[in-house]
């Protein structure tokens, strides 16, 4: 497992994705599905929330988030109008439990801060949804040291628009930066931008 001590000390700035890099995204999604399922049970009486929650959990594990509402809609014969509620809830949900960061990533952020280096979070996805996640994470005091960019407000990764903005605004060179991500988009983003890359998994196992 990599630690901060294994990173080139010449790096002056670090770019992180949010989902499945700083915390497990399923912790957010499953709580949203829980809230939605209870809303459906209260509104429609059927299906029972526990059945819908179980369906969402299995669908997420086997198929990811792709078309997850439509899978549930078809299986339980839900009215199509509830899709708007489902999508809205992802950007507005007040979670029962705070989102907890991966322990090694908390430590990594703390060591970066102590070393007086810059931390950026560049995240893909709906900006409203991503902001809602950020607001409900337990940052352990790290939030005041982060600069956050929602890539979709420009062009999502792997397009490098937001990277070029950071290089210019913060007077950084490409060799100064390390990107830590977890997806093909993150790797391609780093490659296209000429930036060194490490997978988040290297710090977790």
C-alpha atoms as a PDB file:
ATOM      1  CA  UNK A   1       0.000   0.000   0.000  1.00  0.00           C
ATOM      2  CA  UNK A   2       1.376   3.387  -1.003  1.00  0.00           C
ATOM      3  CA  UNK A   3       1.674   6.271   1.458  1.00  0.00           C
ATOM      4  CA  UNK A   4       2.580   9.935   1.143  1.00  0.00           C
ATOM      5  CA  UNK A   5       6.224   9.030   1.757  1.00  0.00           C
ATOM      6  CA  UNK A   6       6.246   7.084  -1.531  1.00  0.00           C
ATOM      7  CA  UNK A   7       5.248  10.112  -3.609  1.00  0.00           C
ATOM      8  CA  UNK A   8       7.811  12.260  -5.408  1.00  0.00           C
ATOM      9  CA  UNK A   9       8.476  15.145  -2.978  1.00  0.00           C
ATOM     10  CA  UNK A  10       8.774  17.545  -5.935  1.00  0.00           C
ATOM     11  CA  UNK A  11       4.991  17.377  -6.436  1.00  0.00           C
ATOM     12  CA  UNK A  12       3.382  20.671  -5.443  1.00  0.00           C
ATOM     13  CA  UNK A  13      -0.288  19.900  -6.078  1.00  0.00           C
ATOM     14  CA  UNK A  14      -2.636  16.929  -6.020  1.00  0.00           C
ATOM     15  CA  UNK A  15      -5.842  16.390  -7.981  1.00  0.00           C
ATOM     16  CA  UNK A  16      -8.435  13.907  -6.693  1.00  0.00           C
ATOM     17  CA  UNK A  17     -11.688  12.600  -8.067  1.00  0.00           C
ATOM     18  CA  UNK A  18     -14.440  12.337  -5.439  1.00  0.00           C
ATOM     19  CA  UNK A  19     -16.424   9.124  -5.983  1.00  0.00           C
ATOM     20  CA  UNK A  20     -14.625   5.888  -5.101  1.00  0.00           C
ATOM     21  CA  UNK A  21     -11.417   7.835  -4.549  1.00  0.00           C
ATOM     22  CA  UNK A  22     -12.004   9.814  -1.361  1.00  0.00           C
ATOM     23  CA  UNK A  23     -15.018   7.753  -0.230  1.00  0.00           C
ATOM     24  CA  UNK A  24     -17.118   4.799  -1.514  1.00  0.00           C
ATOM     25  CA  UNK A  25     -19.878   6.165  -3.755  1.00  0.00           C
ATOM     26  CA  UNK A  26     -22.230   3.324  -2.827  1.00  0.00           C
ATOM     27  CA  UNK A  27     -22.490   4.843   0.667  1.00  0.00           C
ATOM     28  CA  UNK A  28     -24.237   7.831  -0.903  1.00  0.00           C
ATOM     29  CA  UNK A  29     -26.306   5.972  -3.457  1.00  0.00           C
ATOM     30  CA  UNK A  30     -27.689   3.377  -1.054  1.00  0.00           C
ATOM     31  CA  UNK A  31     -28.860   6.091   1.328  1.00  0.00           C
ATOM     32  CA  UNK A  32     -30.585   7.927  -1.535  1.00  0.00           C
ATOM     33  CA  UNK A  33     -32.252   4.676  -2.608  1.00  0.00           C
ATOM     34  CA  UNK A  34     -33.341   4.095   0.990  1.00  0.00           C
ATOM     35  CA  UNK A  35     -34.991   7.515   1.160  1.00  0.00           C
ATOM     36  CA  UNK A  36     -36.647   7.082  -2.231  1.00  0.00           C
ATOM     37  CA  UNK A  37     -37.946   3.625  -1.323  1.00  0.00           C
ATOM     38  CA  UNK A  38     -39.533   4.914   1.857  1.00  0.00           C
ATOM     39  CA  UNK A  39     -41.076   7.803  -0.098  1.00  0.00           C
ATOM     40  CA  UNK A  40     -42.626   5.331  -2.548  1.00  0.00           C
ATOM     41  CA  UNK A  41     -43.996   3.149   0.241  1.00  0.00           C
ATOM     42  CA  UNK A  42     -45.518   6.189   1.949  1.00  0.00           C
ATOM     43  CA  UNK A  43     -47.011   7.531  -1.283  1.00  0.00           C
ATOM     44  CA  UNK A  44     -48.098   4.346  -3.045  1.00  0.00           C
ATOM     45  CA  UNK A  45     -48.172   1.828  -0.128  1.00  0.00           C
ATOM     46  CA  UNK A  46     -46.673  -0.719  -2.567  1.00  0.00           C
ATOM     47  CA  UNK A  47     -44.043  -2.013  -2.966  1.00  0.00           C
ATOM     48  CA  UNK A  48     -42.777  -2.256   0.617  1.00  0.00           C
ATOM     49  CA  UNK A  49     -39.684  -0.115   1.104  1.00  0.00           C
ATOM     50  CA  UNK A  50     -37.601  -3.127   2.122  1.00  0.00           C
ATOM     51  CA  UNK A  51     -38.296  -4.858  -1.203  1.00  0.00           C
ATOM     52  CA  UNK A  52     -37.410  -1.788  -3.243  1.00  0.00           C
ATOM     53  CA  UNK A  53     -34.255  -1.195  -1.201  1.00  0.00           C
ATOM     54  CA  UNK A  54     -33.179  -4.797  -1.776  1.00  0.00           C
ATOM     55  CA  UNK A  55     -33.819  -4.434  -5.508  1.00  0.00           C
ATOM     56  CA  UNK A  56     -31.749  -1.236  -5.735  1.00  0.00           C
ATOM     57  CA  UNK A  57     -28.882  -2.818  -3.800  1.00  0.00           C
ATOM     58  CA  UNK A  58     -28.739  -5.860  -6.083  1.00  0.00           C
ATOM     59  CA  UNK A  59     -29.123  -3.748  -9.223  1.00  0.00           C
ATOM     60  CA  UNK A  60     -26.292  -1.467  -8.109  1.00  0.00           C
ATOM     61  CA  UNK A  61     -24.015  -4.426  -7.375  1.00  0.00           C
ATOM     62  CA  UNK A  62     -24.749  -6.154 -10.682  1.00  0.00           C
ATOM     63  CA  UNK A  63     -25.384  -3.335 -13.158  1.00  0.00           C
ATOM     64  CA  UNK A  64     -24.159  -0.101 -11.560  1.00  0.00           C
ATOM     65  CA  UNK A  65     -26.254   3.048 -11.721  1.00  0.00           C
ATOM     66  CA  UNK A  66     -27.048   2.750 -15.430  1.00  0.00           C
ATOM     67  CA  UNK A  67     -30.836   2.767 -15.952  1.00  0.00           C
ATOM     68  CA  UNK A  68     -31.368   1.805 -12.307  1.00  0.00           C
ATOM     69  CA  UNK A  69     -34.616   3.734 -11.943  1.00  0.00           C
ATOM     70  CA  UNK A  70     -36.036   2.222 -15.136  1.00  0.00           C
ATOM     71  CA  UNK A  71     -35.107  -1.261 -13.934  1.00  0.00           C
ATOM     72  CA  UNK A  72     -37.012  -0.651 -10.686  1.00  0.00           C
ATOM     73  CA  UNK A  73     -39.898   1.021 -12.514  1.00  0.00           C
ATOM     74  CA  UNK A  74     -40.341  -1.958 -14.822  1.00  0.00           C
ATOM     75  CA  UNK A  75     -39.964  -4.576 -12.082  1.00  0.00           C
ATOM     76  CA  UNK A  76     -42.395  -2.915  -9.651  1.00  0.00           C
ATOM     77  CA  UNK A  77     -44.618  -1.172 -12.229  1.00  0.00           C
ATOM     78  CA  UNK A  78     -43.917   2.264 -10.740  1.00  0.00           C
ATOM     79  CA  UNK A  79     -45.549   5.333 -12.310  1.00  0.00           C
ATOM     80  CA  UNK A  80     -43.032   6.988 -14.685  1.00  0.00           C
ATOM     81  CA  UNK A  81     -43.657  10.369 -13.035  1.00  0.00           C
ATOM     82  CA  UNK A  82     -41.554   9.250 -10.053  1.00  0.00           C
ATOM     83  CA  UNK A  83     -38.389   9.471 -12.137  1.00  0.00           C
ATOM     84  CA  UNK A  84     -38.346  13.233 -11.514  1.00  0.00           C
ATOM     85  CA  UNK A  85     -38.489  12.613  -7.760  1.00  0.00           C
ATOM     86  CA  UNK A  86     -35.724  10.032  -8.029  1.00  0.00           C
ATOM     87  CA  UNK A  87     -33.408  12.377  -9.925  1.00  0.00           C
ATOM     88  CA  UNK A  88     -34.201  15.373  -7.734  1.00  0.00           C
ATOM     89  CA  UNK A  89     -33.533  13.428  -4.561  1.00  0.00           C
ATOM     90  CA  UNK A  90     -29.970  12.674  -5.667  1.00  0.00           C
ATOM     91  CA  UNK A  91     -29.178  16.396  -5.601  1.00  0.00           C
ATOM     92  CA  UNK A  92     -31.199  17.328  -2.511  1.00  0.00           C
ATOM     93  CA  UNK A  93     -31.208  14.315  -0.184  1.00  0.00           C
ATOM     94  CA  UNK A  94     -30.350  14.937   3.450  1.00  0.00           C
ATOM     95  CA  UNK A  95     -28.688  11.668   4.347  1.00  0.00           C
ATOM     96  CA  UNK A  96     -29.386   9.726   7.533  1.00  0.00           C
ATOM     97  CA  UNK A  97     -25.624   9.188   7.942  1.00  0.00           C
ATOM     98  CA  UNK A  98     -22.617  11.310   7.026  1.00  0.00           C
ATOM     99  CA  UNK A  99     -20.344  10.035   4.275  1.00  0.00           C
ATOM    100  CA  UNK A 100     -17.087   8.710   5.700  1.00  0.00           C
ATOM    101  CA  UNK A 101     -13.803   9.009   3.800  1.00  0.00           C
ATOM    102  CA  UNK A 102     -11.443   6.110   3.292  1.00  0.00           C
ATOM    103  CA  UNK A 103      -9.039   6.119   6.251  1.00  0.00           C
ATOM    104  CA  UNK A 104      -5.812   6.062   4.190  1.00  0.00           C
ATOM    105  CA  UNK A 105      -7.093   8.949   2.057  1.00  0.00           C
ATOM    106  CA  UNK A 106      -7.825  11.067   5.151  1.00  0.00           C
ATOM    107  CA  UNK A 107      -4.246  10.458   6.247  1.00  0.00           C
ATOM    108  CA  UNK A 108      -2.933  11.296   2.772  1.00  0.00           C
ATOM    109  CA  UNK A 109      -4.827  14.593   2.685  1.00  0.00           C
ATOM    110  CA  UNK A 110      -3.604  15.478   6.172  1.00  0.00           C
ATOM    111  CA  UNK A 111       0.010  14.863   5.193  1.00  0.00           C
ATOM    112  CA  UNK A 112      -0.378  16.947   2.034  1.00  0.00           C
ATOM    113  CA  UNK A 113      -1.767  19.807   4.125  1.00  0.00           C
ATOM    114  CA  UNK A 114       1.040  19.563   6.676  1.00  0.00           C
ATOM    115  CA  UNK A 115       3.513  19.700   3.781  1.00  0.00           C
ATOM    116  CA  UNK A 116       1.797  22.929   2.607  1.00  0.00           C
ATOM    117  CA  UNK A 117       0.877  21.624  -0.821  1.00  0.00           C
ATOM    118  CA  UNK A 118      -2.286  22.270  -2.806  1.00  0.00           C
ATOM    119  CA  UNK A 119      -5.279  19.931  -3.019  1.00  0.00           C
ATOM    120  CA  UNK A 120      -7.849  20.017  -5.802  1.00  0.00           C
ATOM    121  CA  UNK A 121     -10.966  17.918  -6.252  1.00  0.00           C
ATOM    122  CA  UNK A 122     -12.035  17.714  -9.897  1.00  0.00           C
ATOM    123  CA  UNK A 123     -15.156  15.638 -10.140  1.00  0.00           C
ATOM    124  CA  UNK A 124     -17.277  14.459 -13.050  1.00  0.00           C
ATOM    125  CA  UNK A 125     -21.051  14.188 -12.825  1.00  0.00           C
ATOM    126  CA  UNK A 126     -24.037  16.402 -12.201  1.00  0.00           C
ATOM    127  CA  UNK A 127     -22.678  19.415 -10.261  1.00  0.00           C
ATOM    128  CA  UNK A 128     -25.738  19.551  -7.985  1.00  0.00           C
ATOM    129  CA  UNK A 129     -25.394  15.891  -7.055  1.00  0.00           C
ATOM    130  CA  UNK A 130     -21.644  16.143  -6.510  1.00  0.00           C
ATOM    131  CA  UNK A 131     -22.051  19.241  -4.341  1.00  0.00           C
ATOM    132  CA  UNK A 132     -24.647  17.455  -2.225  1.00  0.00           C
ATOM    133  CA  UNK A 133     -22.160  14.647  -1.612  1.00  0.00           C
ATOM    134  CA  UNK A 134     -19.404  17.095  -0.663  1.00  0.00           C
ATOM    135  CA  UNK A 135     -21.666  18.881   1.807  1.00  0.00           C
ATOM    136  CA  UNK A 136     -22.447  15.638   3.609  1.00  0.00           C
ATOM    137  CA  UNK A 137     -18.959  14.195   3.879  1.00  0.00           C
ATOM    138  CA  UNK A 138     -17.084  14.055   7.138  1.00  0.00           C
ATOM    139  CA  UNK A 139     -13.978  15.925   6.022  1.00  0.00           C
ATOM    140  CA  UNK A 140     -12.152  15.885   9.364  1.00  0.00           C
ATOM    141  CA  UNK A 141     -11.253  19.553   8.954  1.00  0.00           C
ATOM    142  CA  UNK A 142      -9.793  19.069   5.475  1.00  0.00           C
ATOM    143  CA  UNK A 143     -12.570  20.937   3.650  1.00  0.00           C
ATOM    144  CA  UNK A 144     -10.966  24.350   4.137  1.00  0.00           C
ATOM    145  CA  UNK A 145      -7.860  23.200   2.273  1.00  0.00           C
ATOM    146  CA  UNK A 146      -9.701  21.946  -0.827  1.00  0.00           C
ATOM    147  CA  UNK A 147     -10.346  23.719  -4.111  1.00  0.00           C
ATOM    148  CA  UNK A 148     -13.244  22.008  -5.888  1.00  0.00           C
ATOM    149  CA  UNK A 149     -14.111  22.067  -9.587  1.00  0.00           C
ATOM    150  CA  UNK A 150     -17.131  20.425 -11.205  1.00  0.00           C
ATOM    151  CA  UNK A 151     -15.761  19.338 -14.565  1.00  0.00           C
ATOM    152  CA  UNK A 152     -19.220  19.172 -16.162  1.00  0.00           C
ATOM    153  CA  UNK A 153     -19.514  22.953 -15.801  1.00  0.00           C
ATOM    154  CA  UNK A 154     -16.842  23.116 -18.515  1.00  0.00           C
ATOM    155  CA  UNK A 155     -16.318  19.756 -20.194  1.00  0.00           C
ATOM    156  CA  UNK A 156     -16.167  16.489 -18.242  1.00  0.00           C
ATOM    157  CA  UNK A 157     -12.985  14.499 -17.913  1.00  0.00           C
ATOM    158  CA  UNK A 158     -11.089  13.203 -19.841  1.00  0.00           C
ATOM    159  CA  UNK A 159     -11.297  16.621 -21.540  1.00  0.00           C
ATOM    160  CA  UNK A 160      -8.615  18.812 -19.985  1.00  0.00           C
ATOM    161  CA  UNK A 161     -10.336  22.213 -19.915  1.00  0.00           C
ATOM    162  CA  UNK A 162     -10.450  22.384 -16.121  1.00  0.00           C
ATOM    163  CA  UNK A 163      -6.826  21.249 -15.873  1.00  0.00           C
ATOM    164  CA  UNK A 164      -5.692  24.050 -18.167  1.00  0.00           C
ATOM    165  CA  UNK A 165      -7.591  26.494 -15.983  1.00  0.00           C
ATOM    166  CA  UNK A 166      -5.808  25.260 -12.852  1.00  0.00           C
ATOM    167  CA  UNK A 167      -2.371  25.388 -14.473  1.00  0.00           C
ATOM    168  CA  UNK A 168      -2.921  28.999 -15.463  1.00  0.00           C
ATOM    169  CA  UNK A 169      -4.737  30.238 -12.362  1.00  0.00           C
ATOM    170  CA  UNK A 170      -2.390  28.667  -9.816  1.00  0.00           C
ATOM    171  CA  UNK A 171       0.856  29.068 -11.760  1.00  0.00           C
ATOM    172  CA  UNK A 172       1.573  25.341 -11.784  1.00  0.00           C
ATOM    173  CA  UNK A 173       3.627  23.260 -14.205  1.00  0.00           C
ATOM    174  CA  UNK A 174       2.454  19.873 -15.389  1.00  0.00           C
ATOM    175  CA  UNK A 175       5.344  18.154 -13.644  1.00  0.00           C
ATOM    176  CA  UNK A 176       4.210  19.729 -10.354  1.00  0.00           C
ATOM    177  CA  UNK A 177       0.946  17.764 -10.252  1.00  0.00           C
ATOM    178  CA  UNK A 178      -0.145  14.233  -9.387  1.00  0.00           C
ATOM    179  CA  UNK A 179      -3.632  12.996 -10.266  1.00  0.00           C
ATOM    180  CA  UNK A 180      -5.208  10.322  -8.074  1.00  0.00           C
ATOM    181  CA  UNK A 181      -8.284   8.702  -9.580  1.00  0.00           C
ATOM    182  CA  UNK A 182     -10.074   5.416 -10.106  1.00  0.00           C
ATOM    183  CA  UNK A 183     -11.525   5.316 -13.611  1.00  0.00           C
ATOM    184  CA  UNK A 184     -10.492   5.148 -17.234  1.00  0.00           C
ATOM    185  CA  UNK A 185     -11.654   8.758 -17.581  1.00  0.00           C
ATOM    186  CA  UNK A 186      -9.222   9.777 -14.834  1.00  0.00           C
ATOM    187  CA  UNK A 187      -6.339   7.939 -16.491  1.00  0.00           C
ATOM    188  CA  UNK A 188      -7.119   9.429 -19.895  1.00  0.00           C
ATOM    189  CA  UNK A 189      -7.463  12.868 -18.285  1.00  0.00           C
ATOM    190  CA  UNK A 190      -3.972  12.540 -16.823  1.00  0.00           C
ATOM    191  CA  UNK A 191      -2.508  11.179 -20.056  1.00  0.00           C
ATOM    192  CA  UNK A 192      -4.097  13.894 -22.198  1.00  0.00           C
ATOM    193  CA  UNK A 193      -2.874  16.574 -19.810  1.00  0.00           C
ATOM    194  CA  UNK A 194       0.661  15.217 -19.492  1.00  0.00           C
ATOM    195  CA  UNK A 195       0.225  14.686 -15.742  1.00  0.00           C
ATOM    196  CA  UNK A 196       1.458  11.794 -13.597  1.00  0.00           C
ATOM    197  CA  UNK A 197      -1.298   9.439 -12.405  1.00  0.00           C
ATOM    198  CA  UNK A 198      -1.778   6.972  -9.571  1.00  0.00           C
ATOM    199  CA  UNK A 199      -4.872   4.809  -8.954  1.00  0.00           C
ATOM    200  CA  UNK A 200      -6.631   5.387  -5.638  1.00  0.00           C
ATOM    201  CA  UNK A 201      -6.539   1.628  -5.073  1.00  0.00           C
ATOM    202  CA  UNK A 202      -2.764   1.871  -4.627  1.00  0.00           C
ATOM    203  CA  UNK A 203      -3.378   3.733  -1.357  1.00  0.00           C
ATOM    204  CA  UNK A 204      -6.079   1.330  -0.171  1.00  0.00           C
ATOM    205  CA  UNK A 205      -4.515  -2.091  -0.627  1.00  0.00           C
END
